[in-house]
Amino acid sequence: MSKQAYTLSRQKSLKSKILIDALFTEGRSIVSYPFRLVYLPAEFPQNEPFLVGFSVPKKKFKRAVDRNRIKRLMRESFRLQQYDLQLPQKTVMMWLYTGKEIPDYRKVFQSVKVIIEKMNEQT
């Protein structure tokens, strides 16, 4: 694949309040410490196979630099593994960080891989 193929563009970003609310009320989840993935097959106007969001709790990480660091690690791991996802239909998903400490990249990459494999088995 070309370098362009591995981008995680803004069009794949989950921003709709309506979709986020539906995701947390009707969505299914997969857990692989320190992450929880909440996902829901849904229809949305963008011509993308999925919309994705990343979240780190302010309650556990007071400093924005720490939250941003974790989100950056999550996005990068997902960006490199997004083509391993086999989705039968359009899906919205939110990656939530549930750990208490700032993880290293290998741990994040491995956990994202485990969740993607579990998701492929379920769908």
Protein backbone atom coordinates (compact mmCIF):
# COMPACT_ATOMS: atom_id res chain seq x y z
CA MET A 1 0.00 0.00 0.00
CA SER A 2 1.11 3.54 -0.58
CA LYS A 3 1.85 5.93 2.25
CA GLN A 4 -1.37 7.80 1.46
CA ALA A 5 -3.45 4.69 2.17
CA TYR A 6 -2.50 4.68 5.86
CA THR A 7 -3.84 8.14 6.67
CA LEU A 8 -6.60 8.68 9.19
CA SER A 9 -8.39 11.60 7.58
CA ARG A 10 -10.69 14.16 9.20
CA GLN A 11 -13.62 12.66 7.26
CA LYS A 12 -13.30 9.54 9.46
CA SER A 13 -13.59 11.59 12.65
CA LEU A 14 -16.69 11.06 14.81
CA LYS A 15 -18.17 14.48 15.63
CA SER A 16 -21.95 14.11 15.47
CA LYS A 17 -23.60 14.49 18.89
CA ILE A 18 -26.56 12.39 17.67
CA LEU A 19 -24.28 9.51 16.61
CA ILE A 20 -22.26 9.72 19.85
CA ASP A 21 -25.42 9.62 21.98
CA ALA A 22 -26.73 6.62 20.00
CA LEU A 23 -23.34 4.93 20.32
CA PHE A 24 -23.36 5.09 24.12
CA THR A 25 -27.02 4.08 24.50
CA GLU A 26 -27.21 1.24 21.94
CA GLY A 27 -23.58 0.35 21.21
CA ARG A 28 -21.70 -2.84 22.03
CA SER A 29 -18.29 -2.81 23.67
CA ILE A 30 -15.05 -4.77 23.68
CA VAL A 31 -12.47 -4.44 26.44
CA SER A 32 -8.74 -5.10 26.33
CA TYR A 33 -6.99 -3.30 29.18
CA PRO A 34 -6.29 -0.36 29.06
CA PHE A 35 -8.90 0.26 26.33
CA ARG A 36 -12.60 -0.08 25.79
CA LEU A 37 -14.05 0.12 22.30
CA VAL A 38 -17.72 1.03 21.96
CA TYR A 39 -19.10 0.46 18.47
CA LEU A 40 -22.41 0.54 16.66
CA PRO A 41 -23.38 -0.19 13.05
CA ALA A 42 -25.03 3.03 11.86
CA GLU A 43 -25.91 5.04 8.80
CA PHE A 44 -24.17 8.37 8.24
CA PRO A 45 -23.78 10.64 5.22
CA GLN A 46 -19.97 10.42 4.89
CA ASN A 47 -18.71 7.99 2.27
CA GLU A 48 -16.41 6.22 4.76
CA PRO A 49 -16.56 2.66 6.15
CA PHE A 50 -16.34 3.96 9.74
CA LEU A 51 -16.24 7.05 11.92
CA VAL A 52 -13.93 6.95 14.93
CA GLY A 53 -13.33 9.00 18.07
CA PHE A 54 -10.78 8.77 20.89
CA SER A 55 -11.32 9.76 24.51
CA VAL A 56 -9.20 9.98 27.66
CA PRO A 57 -10.86 10.90 31.00
CA LYS A 58 -10.05 14.30 32.46
CA LYS A 59 -10.78 12.87 35.91
CA LYS A 60 -7.77 10.52 35.76
CA PHE A 61 -5.44 12.76 33.74
CA LYS A 62 -5.68 16.37 34.91
CA ARG A 63 -3.00 17.68 32.54
CA ALA A 64 -4.06 18.19 28.92
CA VAL A 65 -0.57 17.23 27.70
CA ASP A 66 -1.02 13.76 29.21
CA ARG A 67 -4.50 13.31 27.69
CA ASN A 68 -3.26 14.50 24.31
CA ARG A 69 -0.23 12.18 24.46
CA ILE A 70 -2.44 9.14 25.10
CA LYS A 71 -4.88 10.13 22.34
CA ARG A 72 -1.97 10.59 19.95
CA LEU A 73 -0.70 7.07 20.76
CA MET A 74 -4.21 5.65 20.29
CA ARG A 75 -4.73 7.40 16.94
CA GLU A 76 -1.34 6.31 15.61
CA SER A 77 -1.89 2.66 16.59
CA PHE A 78 -5.35 2.66 15.06
CA ARG A 79 -4.15 4.43 11.91
CA LEU A 80 -1.62 1.69 11.21
CA GLN A 81 -4.09 -1.13 11.89
CA GLN A 82 -7.32 0.29 10.44
CA TYR A 83 -7.11 -1.94 7.35
CA ASP A 84 -7.16 -5.08 9.54
CA LEU A 85 -10.79 -4.21 10.42
CA GLN A 86 -13.36 -6.21 8.47
CA LEU A 87 -16.61 -4.31 8.78
CA PRO A 88 -19.72 -5.65 7.02
CA GLN A 89 -21.42 -2.23 7.18
CA LYS A 90 -20.82 1.38 8.16
CA THR A 91 -19.82 1.61 11.82
CA VAL A 92 -19.24 4.33 14.39
CA MET A 93 -16.76 3.65 17.17
CA MET A 94 -15.25 5.35 20.18
CA TRP A 95 -11.96 4.27 21.76
CA LEU A 96 -11.89 4.98 25.52
CA TYR A 97 -8.77 4.84 27.65
CA THR A 98 -9.44 3.19 31.02
CA GLY A 99 -5.91 2.89 32.43
CA LYS A 100 -4.42 4.93 35.26
CA GLU A 101 -0.94 5.61 33.86
CA ILE A 102 0.49 6.86 30.57
CA PRO A 103 1.16 3.73 28.47
CA ASP A 104 4.10 3.05 26.17
CA TYR A 105 3.51 2.69 22.44
CA ARG A 106 4.03 -1.10 22.30
CA LYS A 107 1.33 -1.68 24.92
CA VAL A 108 -1.10 0.59 23.07
CA PHE A 109 -0.37 -1.05 19.71
CA GLN A 110 -0.84 -4.55 21.15
CA SER A 111 -4.13 -3.67 22.89
CA VAL A 112 -5.53 -2.05 19.74
CA LYS A 113 -4.55 -5.18 17.79
CA VAL A 114 -6.35 -7.45 20.30
CA ILE A 115 -9.52 -5.33 20.16
CA ILE A 116 -9.53 -5.27 16.36
CA GLU A 117 -9.17 -9.07 16.28
CA LYS A 118 -12.08 -9.45 18.77
CA MET A 119 -14.20 -7.06 16.72
CA ASN A 120 -13.54 -9.02 13.54
CA GLU A 121 -14.69 -12.20 15.28
CA GLN A 122 -17.93 -10.54 16.47
CA THR A 123 -18.93 -8.94 13.16
